[in-house]
């Protein structure tokens, strides 16, 4: 079989560990499944070695490179899911914007959107298969290379988060340029958010067709908005994405759990629990017991240990994990950090986190 045949074939190996998918659906599991946001990343020496001297987005466009980086953490740790290595900013790129990853600065748009007229620079009709086909190929290749060990998660940035990057031109602490649009140009803001939503829906459906077994939508900048702005400029689009994907995958008789991670949007838990997502990802500032109460058992919850807890000694990590599991309960919970892993974290402490989740949750299940 040639490499191209492998990429195109959808005859995937049988899944051996489905605990992540069962937990997403609220079913019983032998242990609480665990994975980490940014689990493929710079905290791993093998990641830094593989990426040395290579352009970030060139790496993203190589299915073989993305596959290798996705698999690296699975060789070290007993994670219950893999997440494809990519970046949320491939969507603005597909819409015609130029983005570079600059050392010491992060993602940088050469020409950010400044005024509503700039929307004319964006592609009116994006050929998602042509522009983002490299992600689909990476997913299919990785599904084969995983050999059924764990499920593979696909993802996208949420419309508001992508919009804020496209206007700010990169990272920001205030997001004042993007929020200026919401207050000064609400119609143009909705136009951009709708354009993004249409591309994201097609992009995520393409990931499912390529072999993704779950999808996560990252609204990393949700907390920059207040409750009123979130309900106008983020929530309707998050709901639209989930509803349209659900309608399509039901037609195709597929079962693909959807996760929404709206960082710092504490006020939106009730709304998000009624937004067609099976799982809500929580950051570390939300109390798990309160989140359970506010979501009324309608959804599974993912998270939410403070990433900085991984700087603690291993014994302390074990204690923190135990408390987290007690607060969530072992059913309808996917253990994760409240945000991504940081580059200076000790890989051994990541292993201690994964081990503690499995060990404590198995023991808790036996005592039930």
Protein backbone atom coordinates (compact mmCIF):
# COMPACT_ATOMS: atom_id res chain seq x y z
CA UNK A 1 0.00 0.00 0.00
CA UNK A 2 1.42 3.38 -0.98
CA UNK A 3 1.46 6.37 1.36
CA UNK A 4 -1.33 8.02 -0.69
CA UNK A 5 -3.49 4.89 -0.48
CA UNK A 6 -3.04 4.89 3.29
CA UNK A 7 -4.09 8.53 3.54
CA UNK A 8 -7.21 7.94 1.41
CA UNK A 9 -8.29 4.64 2.96
CA UNK A 10 -11.05 4.81 5.58
CA UNK A 11 -10.84 1.17 6.64
CA UNK A 12 -9.66 2.04 10.16
CA UNK A 13 -8.43 -0.37 12.85
CA UNK A 14 -10.98 -1.31 15.51
CA UNK A 15 -11.02 0.96 18.60
CA UNK A 16 -9.65 -0.75 21.72
CA UNK A 17 -10.12 1.95 24.39
CA UNK A 18 -13.42 3.83 24.09
CA UNK A 19 -13.54 5.19 27.66
CA UNK A 20 -13.23 8.80 26.43
CA UNK A 21 -16.18 8.42 24.05
CA UNK A 22 -18.31 6.67 26.67
CA UNK A 23 -17.58 9.37 29.27
CA UNK A 24 -18.49 12.04 26.71
CA UNK A 25 -21.89 10.35 26.35
CA UNK A 26 -22.32 10.15 30.14
CA UNK A 27 -21.92 6.37 30.27
CA UNK A 28 -20.10 4.40 32.96
CA UNK A 29 -16.36 3.82 32.53
CA UNK A 30 -13.85 1.65 34.41
CA UNK A 31 -11.74 4.75 35.03
CA UNK A 32 -12.08 8.47 34.33
CA UNK A 33 -10.50 9.06 30.90
CA UNK A 34 -7.82 11.72 30.62
CA UNK A 35 -6.12 13.79 27.95
CA UNK A 36 -4.47 17.23 27.97
CA UNK A 37 -4.95 20.30 25.86
CA UNK A 38 -1.61 20.96 24.10
CA UNK A 39 -0.51 17.42 24.96
CA UNK A 40 1.58 17.51 21.76
CA UNK A 41 3.85 20.40 22.56
CA UNK A 42 7.04 22.08 23.60
CA UNK A 43 7.19 20.48 27.06
CA UNK A 44 8.36 17.30 25.29
CA UNK A 45 12.04 17.18 24.25
CA UNK A 46 11.15 14.98 21.26
CA UNK A 47 8.68 17.64 20.09
CA UNK A 48 11.33 20.38 20.29
CA UNK A 49 13.82 18.18 18.46
CA UNK A 50 11.35 17.32 15.69
CA UNK A 51 10.26 20.94 15.24
CA UNK A 52 13.75 22.50 15.38
CA UNK A 53 14.40 24.79 12.42
CA UNK A 54 11.01 24.15 10.81
CA UNK A 55 8.36 26.79 10.08
CA UNK A 56 5.31 26.24 12.31
CA UNK A 57 2.62 26.48 9.63
CA UNK A 58 4.70 24.42 7.19
CA UNK A 59 4.67 21.72 9.85
CA UNK A 60 0.88 22.09 10.13
CA UNK A 61 0.60 21.57 6.37
CA UNK A 62 2.53 18.27 6.48
CA UNK A 63 0.21 15.32 7.26
CA UNK A 64 3.21 13.15 8.17
CA UNK A 65 4.60 15.77 10.59
CA UNK A 66 1.19 16.34 12.22
CA UNK A 67 0.73 12.59 12.61
CA UNK A 68 4.14 12.18 14.26
CA UNK A 69 3.56 15.08 16.68
CA UNK A 70 0.09 13.76 17.57
CA UNK A 71 1.52 10.33 18.39
CA UNK A 72 4.53 11.49 20.46
CA UNK A 73 2.69 11.97 23.78
CA UNK A 74 0.83 8.66 23.28
CA UNK A 75 4.19 6.86 23.30
CA UNK A 76 4.98 8.31 26.73
CA UNK A 77 1.64 8.39 28.52
CA UNK A 78 -1.54 6.33 28.84
CA UNK A 79 -3.77 9.11 27.52
CA UNK A 80 -7.29 7.99 26.65
CA UNK A 81 -7.54 10.24 23.57
CA UNK A 82 -5.30 11.86 20.98
CA UNK A 83 -5.93 15.30 19.51
CA UNK A 84 -4.69 16.06 16.03
CA UNK A 85 -1.73 18.44 15.90
CA UNK A 86 -2.80 21.60 14.09
CA UNK A 87 -3.69 25.21 14.90
CA UNK A 88 -6.92 27.17 15.10
CA UNK A 89 -5.51 29.86 12.78
CA UNK A 90 -5.50 27.61 9.72
CA UNK A 91 -9.13 28.75 9.25
CA UNK A 92 -8.28 32.47 8.75
CA UNK A 93 -5.47 31.31 6.44
CA UNK A 94 -7.99 29.34 4.39
CA UNK A 95 -10.07 32.53 4.12
CA UNK A 96 -7.15 34.37 2.56
CA UNK A 97 -5.32 35.95 5.51
CA UNK A 98 -1.56 35.71 5.94
CA UNK A 99 -0.47 34.47 9.38
CA UNK A 100 3.06 33.79 10.56
CA UNK A 101 4.30 32.26 13.81
CA UNK A 102 7.09 34.54 15.05
CA UNK A 103 9.59 33.46 17.69
CA UNK A 104 8.98 35.25 20.98
CA UNK A 105 5.82 36.88 19.64
CA UNK A 106 3.47 34.09 18.62
CA UNK A 107 0.90 34.20 15.81
CA UNK A 108 1.05 37.42 13.77
CA UNK A 109 -1.24 38.56 10.96
CA UNK A 110 0.60 40.65 8.37
CA UNK A 111 -2.59 42.59 7.50
CA UNK A 112 -5.24 42.42 10.24
CA UNK A 113 -8.82 43.49 9.57
CA UNK A 114 -9.14 47.17 10.52
CA UNK A 115 -12.46 48.36 9.10
CA UNK A 116 -15.60 46.60 7.81
CA UNK A 117 -14.48 47.22 4.20
CA UNK A 118 -11.60 44.81 4.86
CA UNK A 119 -14.07 41.92 4.89
CA UNK A 120 -13.96 42.16 1.09
CA UNK A 121 -10.40 40.82 1.28
CA UNK A 122 -11.70 37.52 2.65
CA UNK A 123 -12.66 34.68 0.33
CA UNK A 124 -16.43 34.75 -0.16
CA UNK A 125 -16.52 31.03 -0.93
CA UNK A 126 -13.81 28.93 0.67
CA UNK A 127 -12.99 25.59 -0.95
CA UNK A 128 -12.41 23.89 2.41
CA UNK A 129 -11.27 20.58 0.92
CA UNK A 130 -8.66 22.36 -1.21
CA UNK A 131 -7.48 24.84 1.44
CA UNK A 132 -7.57 22.55 4.49
CA UNK A 133 -7.27 19.11 2.91
CA UNK A 134 -3.87 18.69 4.55
CA UNK A 135 -5.64 18.55 7.96
CA UNK A 136 -8.03 15.89 6.68
CA UNK A 137 -5.10 13.84 5.35
CA UNK A 138 -3.31 14.18 8.71
CA UNK A 139 -6.42 12.92 10.53
CA UNK A 140 -6.84 9.89 8.26
CA UNK A 141 -3.16 9.01 8.45
CA UNK A 142 -3.14 9.39 12.25
CA UNK A 143 -6.26 7.22 12.65
CA UNK A 144 -4.34 4.41 10.93
CA UNK A 145 -1.13 4.98 12.86
CA UNK A 146 -2.99 5.01 16.19
CA UNK A 147 -3.94 1.39 15.42
CA UNK A 148 -7.17 1.77 17.39
CA UNK A 149 -5.41 2.43 20.71
CA UNK A 150 -7.48 5.54 21.53
CA UNK A 151 -9.95 7.85 19.74
CA UNK A 152 -8.77 10.86 17.76
CA UNK A 153 -10.17 14.34 18.46
CA UNK A 154 -10.47 17.00 15.75
CA UNK A 155 -10.95 20.68 16.55
CA UNK A 156 -11.49 24.25 15.44
CA UNK A 157 -11.37 27.68 16.97
CA UNK A 158 -14.76 29.28 17.66
CA UNK A 159 -15.95 32.19 15.49
CA UNK A 160 -15.47 34.89 18.15
CA UNK A 161 -11.98 33.68 19.08
CA UNK A 162 -10.91 33.61 15.42
CA UNK A 163 -12.49 37.00 14.78
CA UNK A 164 -10.55 38.53 17.67
CA UNK A 165 -7.25 37.21 16.29
CA UNK A 166 -8.06 38.44 12.77
CA UNK A 167 -8.71 41.97 14.02
CA UNK A 168 -6.09 42.20 16.77
CA UNK A 169 -3.44 40.78 14.45
CA UNK A 170 -2.17 38.41 17.15
CA UNK A 171 -2.44 37.87 20.89
CA UNK A 172 -3.87 40.62 23.10
CA UNK A 173 -4.63 41.22 26.76
CA UNK A 174 -7.56 43.59 26.21
CA UNK A 175 -8.87 42.56 22.77
CA UNK A 176 -9.97 46.18 22.52
CA UNK A 177 -9.65 46.35 18.73
CA UNK A 178 -11.90 43.32 18.26
CA UNK A 179 -14.39 44.50 20.87
CA UNK A 180 -14.43 47.92 19.22
CA UNK A 181 -15.94 46.18 16.19
CA UNK A 182 -18.70 44.66 18.32
CA UNK A 183 -19.73 48.07 19.65
CA UNK A 184 -19.08 50.20 16.55
CA UNK A 185 -19.77 47.75 13.74
CA UNK A 186 -22.27 45.15 15.02
CA UNK A 187 -23.61 44.32 11.54
CA UNK A 188 -20.13 43.78 10.09
CA UNK A 189 -19.23 41.75 13.20
CA UNK A 190 -22.18 39.43 12.62
CA UNK A 191 -21.27 39.19 8.94
CA UNK A 192 -17.73 38.08 9.81
CA UNK A 193 -18.94 35.67 12.51
CA UNK A 194 -21.37 34.09 10.04
CA UNK A 195 -18.63 33.74 7.40
CA UNK A 196 -16.41 32.04 9.97
CA UNK A 197 -19.23 29.78 11.15
CA UNK A 198 -19.93 28.53 7.64
CA UNK A 199 -16.26 27.64 7.08
CA UNK A 200 -15.92 26.04 10.54
CA UNK A 201 -18.96 23.80 10.00
CA UNK A 202 -17.61 22.52 6.70
CA UNK A 203 -14.12 22.17 8.20
CA UNK A 204 -15.34 20.12 11.19
CA UNK A 205 -17.56 17.93 9.01
CA UNK A 206 -14.51 17.33 6.81
CA UNK A 207 -12.59 16.22 9.89
CA UNK A 208 -15.34 13.73 10.76
CA UNK A 209 -15.32 12.38 7.19
CA UNK A 210 -11.53 12.03 7.47
CA UNK A 211 -11.79 9.99 10.67
CA UNK A 212 -12.11 12.32 13.70
CA UNK A 213 -14.11 10.54 16.42
CA UNK A 214 -14.88 13.62 18.53
CA UNK A 215 -14.67 17.38 17.95
CA UNK A 216 -13.70 20.24 20.26
CA UNK A 217 -14.54 23.90 19.60
CA UNK A 218 -12.11 26.25 21.35
CA UNK A 219 -13.59 29.61 22.35
CA UNK A 220 -10.39 30.60 24.11
CA UNK A 221 -11.31 34.30 24.20
CA UNK A 222 -14.90 33.83 25.42
CA UNK A 223 -14.12 35.36 28.81
CA UNK A 224 -13.11 38.66 27.21
CA UNK A 225 -16.83 39.18 26.57
CA UNK A 226 -19.42 39.99 29.19
CA UNK A 227 -22.62 37.92 29.45
CA UNK A 228 -24.64 40.23 27.16
CA UNK A 229 -21.99 40.33 24.41
CA UNK A 230 -21.34 36.59 24.73
CA UNK A 231 -25.05 35.85 24.18
CA UNK A 232 -25.08 38.05 21.09
CA UNK A 233 -21.72 37.49 19.45
CA UNK A 234 -20.56 34.03 20.55
CA UNK A 235 -23.32 31.74 21.81
CA UNK A 236 -25.59 31.81 18.69
CA UNK A 237 -22.65 30.80 16.50
CA UNK A 238 -21.47 28.06 18.88
CA UNK A 239 -25.02 26.68 18.85
CA UNK A 240 -25.30 26.96 15.07
CA UNK A 241 -22.04 25.04 14.61
CA UNK A 242 -23.17 22.19 16.89
CA UNK A 243 -26.71 22.03 15.49
CA UNK A 244 -25.58 21.91 11.87
CA UNK A 245 -22.93 19.27 12.57
CA UNK A 246 -25.43 17.17 14.54
CA UNK A 247 -27.99 17.37 11.73
CA UNK A 248 -25.43 16.17 9.18
CA UNK A 249 -23.87 13.36 11.22
CA UNK A 250 -27.34 12.07 12.16
CA UNK A 251 -28.10 11.82 8.44
CA UNK A 252 -24.91 9.77 8.06
CA UNK A 253 -25.74 7.73 11.21
CA UNK A 254 -22.53 8.72 12.93
CA UNK A 255 -22.02 9.32 16.65
CA UNK A 256 -19.40 12.01 17.17
CA UNK A 257 -19.42 13.76 20.57
CA UNK A 258 -18.95 17.54 20.53
CA UNK A 259 -17.02 19.46 23.20
CA UNK A 260 -17.17 23.21 23.72
CA UNK A 261 -14.43 24.97 25.71
CA UNK A 262 -15.39 28.58 26.41
CA UNK A 263 -12.56 29.74 28.64
CA UNK A 264 -13.50 32.07 31.52
CA UNK A 265 -17.17 32.20 30.47
CA UNK A 266 -18.45 31.21 33.93
CA UNK A 267 -21.74 33.00 33.35
CA UNK A 268 -22.56 30.83 30.33
CA UNK A 269 -22.64 27.34 31.85
CA UNK A 270 -26.43 27.07 31.79
CA UNK A 271 -26.62 28.34 28.20
CA UNK A 272 -23.82 26.08 27.01
CA UNK A 273 -25.45 23.02 28.59
CA UNK A 274 -28.39 23.59 26.23
CA UNK A 275 -26.35 24.15 23.07
CA UNK A 276 -26.18 20.67 21.43
CA UNK A 277 -22.72 19.85 22.86
CA UNK A 278 -22.31 16.60 24.81
CA UNK A 279 -19.37 17.97 26.83
CA UNK A 280 -18.48 21.32 28.35
CA UNK A 281 -14.78 21.94 28.97
CA UNK A 282 -14.09 23.91 32.16
CA UNK A 283 -11.16 26.14 33.02
CA UNK A 284 -9.61 25.89 36.49
CA UNK A 285 -11.50 28.86 37.96
CA UNK A 286 -14.85 27.01 38.01
CA UNK A 287 -15.86 24.87 40.98
CA UNK A 288 -16.71 21.36 39.70
CA UNK A 289 -19.61 20.82 42.13
CA UNK A 290 -21.13 24.15 41.15
CA UNK A 291 -20.68 23.31 37.46
CA UNK A 292 -22.50 19.98 37.97
CA UNK A 293 -25.36 21.76 39.70
CA UNK A 294 -25.65 24.54 37.13
CA UNK A 295 -25.56 22.21 34.12
CA UNK A 296 -28.17 19.94 35.72
CA UNK A 297 -26.63 16.67 34.59
CA UNK A 298 -27.47 17.49 30.95
CA UNK A 299 -23.86 17.23 29.79
CA UNK A 300 -20.56 15.62 30.67
CA UNK A 301 -17.84 17.89 32.02
CA UNK A 302 -14.18 18.07 31.01
CA UNK A 303 -11.34 19.54 33.04
CA UNK A 304 -10.33 21.31 35.08
CA UNK A 305 -7.08 21.09 37.06
CA UNK A 306 -5.00 24.26 37.16
CA UNK A 307 -2.13 23.65 34.68
CA UNK A 308 0.27 25.21 37.20
CA UNK A 309 -0.54 22.39 39.64
CA UNK A 310 1.85 20.34 37.48
CA UNK A 311 4.72 22.37 38.96
CA UNK A 312 3.95 20.73 42.33
CA UNK A 313 5.75 17.60 43.61
CA UNK A 314 4.24 14.35 42.34
CA UNK A 315 2.63 13.47 45.70
CA UNK A 316 0.88 16.85 45.74
CA UNK A 317 -0.29 16.33 42.12
CA UNK A 318 -1.85 13.04 43.23
CA UNK A 319 -3.71 14.77 46.09
CA UNK A 320 -4.98 17.56 43.80
CA UNK A 321 -6.21 14.99 41.25
CA UNK A 322 -8.00 13.01 43.98
CA UNK A 323 -9.83 16.13 45.19
CA UNK A 324 -10.77 17.05 41.60
CA UNK A 325 -12.20 13.57 40.95
CA UNK A 326 -14.16 13.63 44.20
CA UNK A 327 -15.67 16.98 43.24
CA UNK A 328 -16.65 15.91 39.72
CA UNK A 329 -17.59 12.32 40.47
CA UNK A 330 -16.40 9.55 38.19
CA UNK A 331 -19.33 9.46 35.76
CA UNK A 332 -19.66 11.96 32.92
CA UNK A 333 -16.20 13.36 33.61
CA UNK A 334 -13.19 13.60 31.28
CA UNK A 335 -10.12 14.65 33.24
CA UNK A 336 -8.06 17.43 31.69
CA UNK A 337 -6.29 20.61 32.65
CA UNK A 338 -8.17 23.91 32.77
CA UNK A 339 -6.05 25.09 29.84
CA UNK A 340 -3.07 23.81 27.84
CA UNK A 341 0.27 22.46 29.05
CA UNK A 342 3.04 25.06 29.35
CA UNK A 343 6.43 24.64 27.62
CA UNK A 344 8.49 24.56 30.85
CA UNK A 345 6.57 21.70 32.48
CA UNK A 346 8.34 18.52 33.54
CA UNK A 347 7.21 15.62 31.33
CA UNK A 348 7.39 13.32 34.38
CA UNK A 349 4.80 15.42 36.18
CA UNK A 350 2.46 15.08 33.21
CA UNK A 351 2.86 11.32 33.59
CA UNK A 352 2.10 11.62 37.30
CA UNK A 353 -1.12 13.48 36.48
CA UNK A 354 -2.30 10.81 34.02
CA UNK A 355 -1.38 7.98 36.40
CA UNK A 356 -3.14 9.65 39.34
CA UNK A 357 -6.37 10.11 37.35
CA UNK A 358 -6.46 6.44 36.41
CA UNK A 359 -5.41 5.15 39.83
CA UNK A 360 -7.76 7.25 41.96
CA UNK A 361 -10.78 6.92 39.65
CA UNK A 362 -10.45 3.12 39.46
CA UNK A 363 -10.34 2.94 43.26
CA UNK A 364 -13.31 5.32 43.58
CA UNK A 365 -15.34 3.20 41.15
CA UNK A 366 -14.62 0.07 43.19
CA UNK A 367 -15.87 1.78 46.35
CA UNK A 368 -19.16 2.86 44.74
